[in-house]
């Protein structure tokens, strides 16, 4: 399954940015602390506003280090 999300709403703080996308009434949130950029929290909230996924994702060394990517 592929999920394509565009048009994120930015919130949070400079120290802990949060980006939220909505697709089919589900919210997808990605957040991290700028002091720990290799750890990202992914949350999914269903249409009843229940948190159905709350995962910490840890980047492995060498992942996502492509020359054409941009850092947030």
PDB file of N, CA and C in Angstrom:
ATOM      1  N   UNK A   1       0.842  -1.178   0.000  1.00  0.00           N
ATOM      2  CA  UNK A   1       0.000   0.000   0.000  1.00  0.00           C
ATOM      3  C   UNK A   1       0.882   1.234   0.000  1.00  0.00           C
ATOM      4  N   UNK A   2       0.543   2.171  -0.831  1.00  0.00           N
ATOM      5  CA  UNK A   2       1.280   3.420  -0.935  1.00  0.00           C
ATOM      6  C   UNK A   2       0.383   4.546  -0.457  1.00  0.00           C
ATOM      7  N   UNK A   3       0.925   5.405   0.351  1.00  0.00           N
ATOM      8  CA  UNK A   3       0.182   6.547   0.871  1.00  0.00           C
ATOM      9  C   UNK A   3       0.887   7.799   0.397  1.00  0.00           C
ATOM     10  N   UNK A   4       0.168   8.659  -0.281  1.00  0.00           N
ATOM     11  CA  UNK A   4       0.738   9.885  -0.827  1.00  0.00           C
ATOM     12  C   UNK A   4       0.140  11.064  -0.075  1.00  0.00           C
ATOM     13  N   UNK A   5       0.963  11.813   0.625  1.00  0.00           N
ATOM     14  CA  UNK A   5       0.490  12.932   1.437  1.00  0.00           C
ATOM     15  C   UNK A   5       1.137  14.224   0.963  1.00  0.00           C
ATOM     16  N   UNK A   6       0.333  15.247   0.739  1.00  0.00           N
ATOM     17  CA  UNK A   6       0.840  16.568   0.373  1.00  0.00           C
ATOM     18  C   UNK A   6       0.108  17.610   1.209  1.00  0.00           C
ATOM     19  N   UNK A   7       0.670  18.788   1.284  1.00  0.00           N
ATOM     20  CA  UNK A   7       0.002  19.889   1.962  1.00  0.00           C
ATOM     21  C   UNK A   7      -0.010  19.790   3.472  1.00  0.00           C
ATOM     22  N   UNK A   8       1.125  19.528   4.062  1.00  0.00           N
ATOM     23  CA  UNK A   8       1.203  19.388   5.519  1.00  0.00           C
ATOM     24  C   UNK A   8       0.919  20.712   6.213  1.00  0.00           C
ATOM     25  N   UNK A   9       0.320  20.594   7.374  1.00  0.00           N
ATOM     26  CA  UNK A   9       0.127  21.745   8.257  1.00  0.00           C
ATOM     27  C   UNK A   9       1.245  21.705   9.289  1.00  0.00           C
ATOM     28  N   UNK A  10       2.021  22.773   9.361  1.00  0.00           N
ATOM     29  CA  UNK A  10       3.136  22.840  10.300  1.00  0.00           C
ATOM     30  C   UNK A  10       2.665  23.427  11.622  1.00  0.00           C
ATOM     31  N   UNK A  11       3.138  22.834  12.704  1.00  0.00           N
ATOM     32  CA  UNK A  11       2.846  23.346  14.043  1.00  0.00           C
ATOM     33  C   UNK A  11       4.009  22.965  14.948  1.00  0.00           C
ATOM     34  N   UNK A  12       3.809  23.048  16.229  1.00  0.00           N
ATOM     35  CA  UNK A  12       4.873  22.726  17.172  1.00  0.00           C
ATOM     36  C   UNK A  12       5.768  23.922  17.407  1.00  0.00           C
ATOM     37  N   UNK A  13       7.005  23.640  17.761  1.00  0.00           N
ATOM     38  CA  UNK A  13       7.983  24.690  18.044  1.00  0.00           C
ATOM     39  C   UNK A  13       9.227  24.457  17.203  1.00  0.00           C
ATOM     40  N   UNK A  14      10.159  25.398  17.253  1.00  0.00           N
ATOM     41  CA  UNK A  14      11.421  25.195  16.535  1.00  0.00           C
ATOM     42  C   UNK A  14      12.177  24.004  17.094  1.00  0.00           C
ATOM     43  N   UNK A  15      12.050  23.773  18.391  1.00  0.00           N
ATOM     44  CA  UNK A  15      12.744  22.650  19.025  1.00  0.00           C
ATOM     45  C   UNK A  15      12.040  21.318  18.774  1.00  0.00           C
ATOM     46  N   UNK A  16      10.738  21.364  18.511  1.00  0.00           N
ATOM     47  CA  UNK A  16       9.959  20.140  18.264  1.00  0.00           C
ATOM     48  C   UNK A  16       8.905  20.417  17.190  1.00  0.00           C
ATOM     49  N   UNK A  17       9.325  20.417  15.920  1.00  0.00           N
ATOM     50  CA  UNK A  17       8.366  20.650  14.847  1.00  0.00           C
ATOM     51  C   UNK A  17       7.400  19.476  14.688  1.00  0.00           C
ATOM     52  N   UNK A  18       6.190  19.797  14.257  1.00  0.00           N
ATOM     53  CA  UNK A  18       5.158  18.789  14.009  1.00  0.00           C
ATOM     54  C   UNK A  18       4.551  19.092  12.640  1.00  0.00           C
ATOM     55  N   UNK A  19       4.456  18.066  11.804  1.00  0.00           N
ATOM     56  CA  UNK A  19       3.800  18.200  10.510  1.00  0.00           C
ATOM     57  C   UNK A  19       2.626  17.239  10.481  1.00  0.00           C
ATOM     58  N   UNK A  20       1.456  17.747  10.079  1.00  0.00           N
ATOM     59  CA  UNK A  20       0.229  16.951  10.074  1.00  0.00           C
ATOM     60  C   UNK A  20      -0.382  16.960   8.678  1.00  0.00           C
ATOM     61  N   UNK A  21      -0.712  15.773   8.189  1.00  0.00           N
ATOM     62  CA  UNK A  21      -1.409  15.593   6.923  1.00  0.00           C
ATOM     63  C   UNK A  21      -2.750  14.933   7.203  1.00  0.00           C
ATOM     64  N   UNK A  22      -3.724  15.186   6.340  1.00  0.00           N
ATOM     65  CA  UNK A  22      -5.024  14.535   6.455  1.00  0.00           C
ATOM     66  C   UNK A  22      -5.313  13.805   5.152  1.00  0.00           C
ATOM     67  N   UNK A  23      -5.777  12.558   5.276  1.00  0.00           N
ATOM     68  CA  UNK A  23      -6.154  11.747   4.121  1.00  0.00           C
ATOM     69  C   UNK A  23      -7.323  10.867   4.538  1.00  0.00           C
ATOM     70  N   UNK A  24      -8.456  10.994   3.848  1.00  0.00           N
ATOM     71  CA  UNK A  24      -9.652  10.201   4.144  1.00  0.00           C
ATOM     72  C   UNK A  24     -10.036  10.308   5.624  1.00  0.00           C
ATOM     73  N   UNK A  25      -9.960  11.520   6.159  1.00  0.00           N
ATOM     74  CA  UNK A  25     -10.317  11.826   7.554  1.00  0.00           C
ATOM     75  C   UNK A  25      -9.372  11.221   8.587  1.00  0.00           C
ATOM     76  N   UNK A  26      -8.290  10.628   8.147  1.00  0.00           N
ATOM     77  CA  UNK A  26      -7.238  10.170   9.056  1.00  0.00           C
ATOM     78  C   UNK A  26      -6.172  11.256   9.104  1.00  0.00           C
ATOM     79  N   UNK A  27      -5.606  11.468  10.270  1.00  0.00           N
ATOM     80  CA  UNK A  27      -4.508  12.419  10.419  1.00  0.00           C
ATOM     81  C   UNK A  27      -3.209  11.645  10.593  1.00  0.00           C
ATOM     82  N   UNK A  28      -2.189  12.108   9.914  1.00  0.00           N
ATOM     83  CA  UNK A  28      -0.857  11.517  10.005  1.00  0.00           C
ATOM     84  C   UNK A  28       0.062  12.606  10.529  1.00  0.00           C
ATOM     85  N   UNK A  29       0.693  12.358  11.660  1.00  0.00           N
ATOM     86  CA  UNK A  29       1.569  13.344  12.298  1.00  0.00           C
ATOM     87  C   UNK A  29       2.991  12.823  12.368  1.00  0.00           C
ATOM     88  N   UNK A  30       3.914  13.689  11.998  1.00  0.00           N
ATOM     89  CA  UNK A  30       5.335  13.382  12.122  1.00  0.00           C
ATOM     90  C   UNK A  30       5.953  14.490  12.959  1.00  0.00           C
ATOM     91  N   UNK A  31       6.701  14.101  13.984  1.00  0.00           N
ATOM     92  CA  UNK A  31       7.362  15.092  14.832  1.00  0.00           C
ATOM     93  C   UNK A  31       8.715  14.557  15.274  1.00  0.00           C
ATOM     94  N   UNK A  32       9.575  15.462  15.659  1.00  0.00           N
ATOM     95  CA  UNK A  32      10.893  15.086  16.154  1.00  0.00           C
ATOM     96  C   UNK A  32      11.443  16.240  16.975  1.00  0.00           C
ATOM     97  N   UNK A  33      12.472  15.959  17.719  1.00  0.00           N
ATOM     98  CA  UNK A  33      13.172  16.997  18.466  1.00  0.00           C
ATOM     99  C   UNK A  33      14.433  17.342  17.690  1.00  0.00           C
ATOM    100  N   UNK A  34      14.679  18.621  17.499  1.00  0.00           N
ATOM    101  CA  UNK A  34      15.828  19.020  16.691  1.00  0.00           C
ATOM    102  C   UNK A  34      17.153  18.577  17.307  1.00  0.00           C
ATOM    103  N   UNK A  35      17.180  18.356  18.608  1.00  0.00           N
ATOM    104  CA  UNK A  35      18.413  17.876  19.243  1.00  0.00           C
ATOM    105  C   UNK A  35      18.621  16.381  18.999  1.00  0.00           C
ATOM    106  N   UNK A  36      17.597  15.691  18.525  1.00  0.00           N
ATOM    107  CA  UNK A  36      17.676  14.249  18.254  1.00  0.00           C
ATOM    108  C   UNK A  36      17.047  13.969  16.881  1.00  0.00           C
ATOM    109  N   UNK A  37      17.691  14.436  15.785  1.00  0.00           N
ATOM    110  CA  UNK A  37      17.075  14.338  14.458  1.00  0.00           C
ATOM    111  C   UNK A  37      16.960  12.920  13.901  1.00  0.00           C
ATOM    112  N   UNK A  38      17.616  11.960  14.493  1.00  0.00           N
ATOM    113  CA  UNK A  38      17.553  10.586  13.993  1.00  0.00           C
ATOM    114  C   UNK A  38      16.390   9.788  14.568  1.00  0.00           C
ATOM    115  N   UNK A  39      15.585  10.413  15.426  1.00  0.00           N
ATOM    116  CA  UNK A  39      14.417   9.751  16.008  1.00  0.00           C
ATOM    117  C   UNK A  39      13.182  10.570  15.636  1.00  0.00           C
ATOM    118  N   UNK A  40      12.237   9.910  14.972  1.00  0.00           N
ATOM    119  CA  UNK A  40      11.016  10.562  14.505  1.00  0.00           C
ATOM    120  C   UNK A  40       9.817   9.838  15.098  1.00  0.00           C
ATOM    121  N   UNK A  41       8.822  10.586  15.538  1.00  0.00           N
ATOM    122  CA  UNK A  41       7.576   9.993  16.027  1.00  0.00           C
ATOM    123  C   UNK A  41       6.539  10.068  14.910  1.00  0.00           C
ATOM    124  N   UNK A  42       5.915   8.926  14.625  1.00  0.00           N
ATOM    125  CA  UNK A  42       4.828   8.846  13.654  1.00  0.00           C
ATOM    126  C   UNK A  42       3.552   8.496  14.399  1.00  0.00           C
ATOM    127  N   UNK A  43       2.530   9.318  14.217  1.00  0.00           N
ATOM    128  CA  UNK A  43       1.233   9.068  14.848  1.00  0.00           C
ATOM    129  C   UNK A  43       0.150   9.068  13.774  1.00  0.00           C
ATOM    130  N   UNK A  44      -0.815   8.168  13.936  1.00  0.00           N
ATOM    131  CA  UNK A  44      -1.986   8.129  13.061  1.00  0.00           C
ATOM    132  C   UNK A  44      -3.219   8.227  13.948  1.00  0.00           C
ATOM    133  N   UNK A  45      -4.108   9.157  13.593  1.00  0.00           N
ATOM    134  CA  UNK A  45      -5.331   9.392  14.354  1.00  0.00           C
ATOM    135  C   UNK A  45      -6.508   9.087  13.433  1.00  0.00           C
ATOM    136  N   UNK A  46      -7.435   8.243  13.888  1.00  0.00           N
ATOM    137  CA  UNK A  46      -8.573   7.854  13.055  1.00  0.00           C
ATOM    138  C   UNK A  46      -9.657   8.933  13.070  1.00  0.00           C
ATOM    139  N   UNK A  47     -10.707   8.786  12.236  1.00  0.00           N
ATOM    140  CA  UNK A  47     -11.760   9.807  12.182  1.00  0.00           C
ATOM    141  C   UNK A  47     -12.474  10.046  13.514  1.00  0.00           C
ATOM    142  N   UNK A  48     -12.458   9.079  14.422  1.00  0.00           N
ATOM    143  CA  UNK A  48     -13.053   9.267  15.754  1.00  0.00           C
ATOM    144  C   UNK A  48     -12.077   9.947  16.715  1.00  0.00           C
ATOM    145  N   UNK A  49     -10.949  10.434  16.175  1.00  0.00           N
ATOM    146  CA  UNK A  49      -9.900  11.127  16.926  1.00  0.00           C
ATOM    147  C   UNK A  49      -9.222  10.245  17.962  1.00  0.00           C
ATOM    148  N   UNK A  50      -9.143   8.950  17.664  1.00  0.00           N
ATOM    149  CA  UNK A  50      -8.415   8.010  18.520  1.00  0.00           C
ATOM    150  C   UNK A  50      -7.026   7.786  17.931  1.00  0.00           C
ATOM    151  N   UNK A  51      -6.035   7.788  18.784  1.00  0.00           N
ATOM    152  CA  UNK A  51      -4.668   7.510  18.363  1.00  0.00           C
ATOM    153  C   UNK A  51      -4.549   6.012  18.097  1.00  0.00           C
ATOM    154  N   UNK A  52      -4.329   5.634  16.830  1.00  0.00           N
ATOM    155  CA  UNK A  52      -4.269   4.211  16.489  1.00  0.00           C
ATOM    156  C   UNK A  52      -2.852   3.745  16.186  1.00  0.00           C
ATOM    157  N   UNK A  53      -1.925   4.678  16.050  1.00  0.00           N
ATOM    158  CA  UNK A  53      -0.517   4.331  15.868  1.00  0.00           C
ATOM    159  C   UNK A  53       0.319   5.409  16.528  1.00  0.00           C
ATOM    160  N   UNK A  54       1.311   4.995  17.287  1.00  0.00           N
ATOM    161  CA  UNK A  54       2.213   5.921  17.962  1.00  0.00           C
ATOM    162  C   UNK A  54       3.568   5.234  18.032  1.00  0.00           C
ATOM    163  N   UNK A  55       4.405   5.488  17.034  1.00  0.00           N
ATOM    164  CA  UNK A  55       5.677   4.772  16.913  1.00  0.00           C
ATOM    165  C   UNK A  55       6.857   5.729  16.859  1.00  0.00           C
ATOM    166  N   UNK A  56       7.930   5.330  17.504  1.00  0.00           N
ATOM    167  CA  UNK A  56       9.203   6.027  17.346  1.00  0.00           C
ATOM    168  C   UNK A  56       9.986   5.295  16.271  1.00  0.00           C
ATOM    169  N   UNK A  57      10.434   6.028  15.276  1.00  0.00           N
ATOM    170  CA  UNK A  57      11.214   5.464  14.184  1.00  0.00           C
ATOM    171  C   UNK A  57      12.639   5.968  14.317  1.00  0.00           C
ATOM    172  N   UNK A  58      13.584   5.057  14.313  1.00  0.00           N
ATOM    173  CA  UNK A  58      14.991   5.415  14.493  1.00  0.00           C
ATOM    174  C   UNK A  58      15.735   5.163  13.197  1.00  0.00           C
ATOM    175  N   UNK A  59      16.372   6.207  12.696  1.00  0.00           N
ATOM    176  CA  UNK A  59      17.114   6.091  11.445  1.00  0.00           C
ATOM    177  C   UNK A  59      18.395   5.303  11.683  1.00  0.00           C
ATOM    178  N   UNK A  60      18.643   4.369  10.815  1.00  0.00           N
ATOM    179  CA  UNK A  60      19.873   3.591  10.869  1.00  0.00           C
ATOM    180  C   UNK A  60      20.967   4.358  10.133  1.00  0.00           C
ATOM    181  N   UNK A  61      22.225   4.222  10.535  1.00  0.00           N
ATOM    182  CA  UNK A  61      23.315   4.936   9.863  1.00  0.00           C
ATOM    183  C   UNK A  61      23.305   4.660   8.360  1.00  0.00           C
ATOM    184  N   UNK A  62      23.407   5.737   7.581  1.00  0.00           N
ATOM    185  CA  UNK A  62      23.449   5.609   6.131  1.00  0.00           C
ATOM    186  C   UNK A  62      22.099   5.683   5.447  1.00  0.00           C
ATOM    187  N   UNK A  63      21.012   5.552   6.181  1.00  0.00           N
ATOM    188  CA  UNK A  63      19.684   5.629   5.572  1.00  0.00           C
ATOM    189  C   UNK A  63      19.334   7.070   5.226  1.00  0.00           C
ATOM    190  N   UNK A  64      18.660   7.245   4.118  1.00  0.00           N
ATOM    191  CA  UNK A  64      18.122   8.529   3.693  1.00  0.00           C
ATOM    192  C   UNK A  64      19.196   9.596   3.520  1.00  0.00           C
ATOM    193  N   UNK A  65      20.359   9.184   3.125  1.00  0.00           N
ATOM    194  CA  UNK A  65      21.426  10.152   2.885  1.00  0.00           C
ATOM    195  C   UNK A  65      21.703  10.209   1.393  1.00  0.00           C
ATOM    196  N   UNK A  66      20.739  10.716   0.656  1.00  0.00           N
ATOM    197  CA  UNK A  66      20.845  10.834  -0.783  1.00  0.00           C
ATOM    198  C   UNK A  66      21.180  12.271  -1.133  1.00  0.00           C
ATOM    199  N   UNK A  67      21.955  12.494  -2.170  1.00  0.00           N
ATOM    200  CA  UNK A  67      22.393  13.858  -2.487  1.00  0.00           C
ATOM    201  C   UNK A  67      21.253  14.795  -2.868  1.00  0.00           C
ATOM    202  N   UNK A  68      20.121  14.277  -3.332  1.00  0.00           N
ATOM    203  CA  UNK A  68      19.029  15.145  -3.770  1.00  0.00           C
ATOM    204  C   UNK A  68      18.007  15.429  -2.681  1.00  0.00           C
ATOM    205  N   UNK A  69      18.193  14.898  -1.479  1.00  0.00           N
ATOM    206  CA  UNK A  69      17.236  15.160  -0.407  1.00  0.00           C
ATOM    207  C   UNK A  69      17.558  16.487   0.262  1.00  0.00           C
ATOM    208  N   UNK A  70      16.545  17.063   0.870  1.00  0.00           N
ATOM    209  CA  UNK A  70      16.749  18.305   1.610  1.00  0.00           C
ATOM    210  C   UNK A  70      16.423  18.066   3.070  1.00  0.00           C
ATOM    211  N   UNK A  71      17.139  18.734   3.919  1.00  0.00           N
ATOM    212  CA  UNK A  71      16.902  18.609   5.355  1.00  0.00           C
ATOM    213  C   UNK A  71      15.870  19.629   5.781  1.00  0.00           C
ATOM    214  N   UNK A  72      15.025  19.241   6.715  1.00  0.00           N
ATOM    215  CA  UNK A  72      14.013  20.167   7.254  1.00  0.00           C
ATOM    216  C   UNK A  72      14.632  21.015   8.333  1.00  0.00           C
TER     217      UNK A  72
END
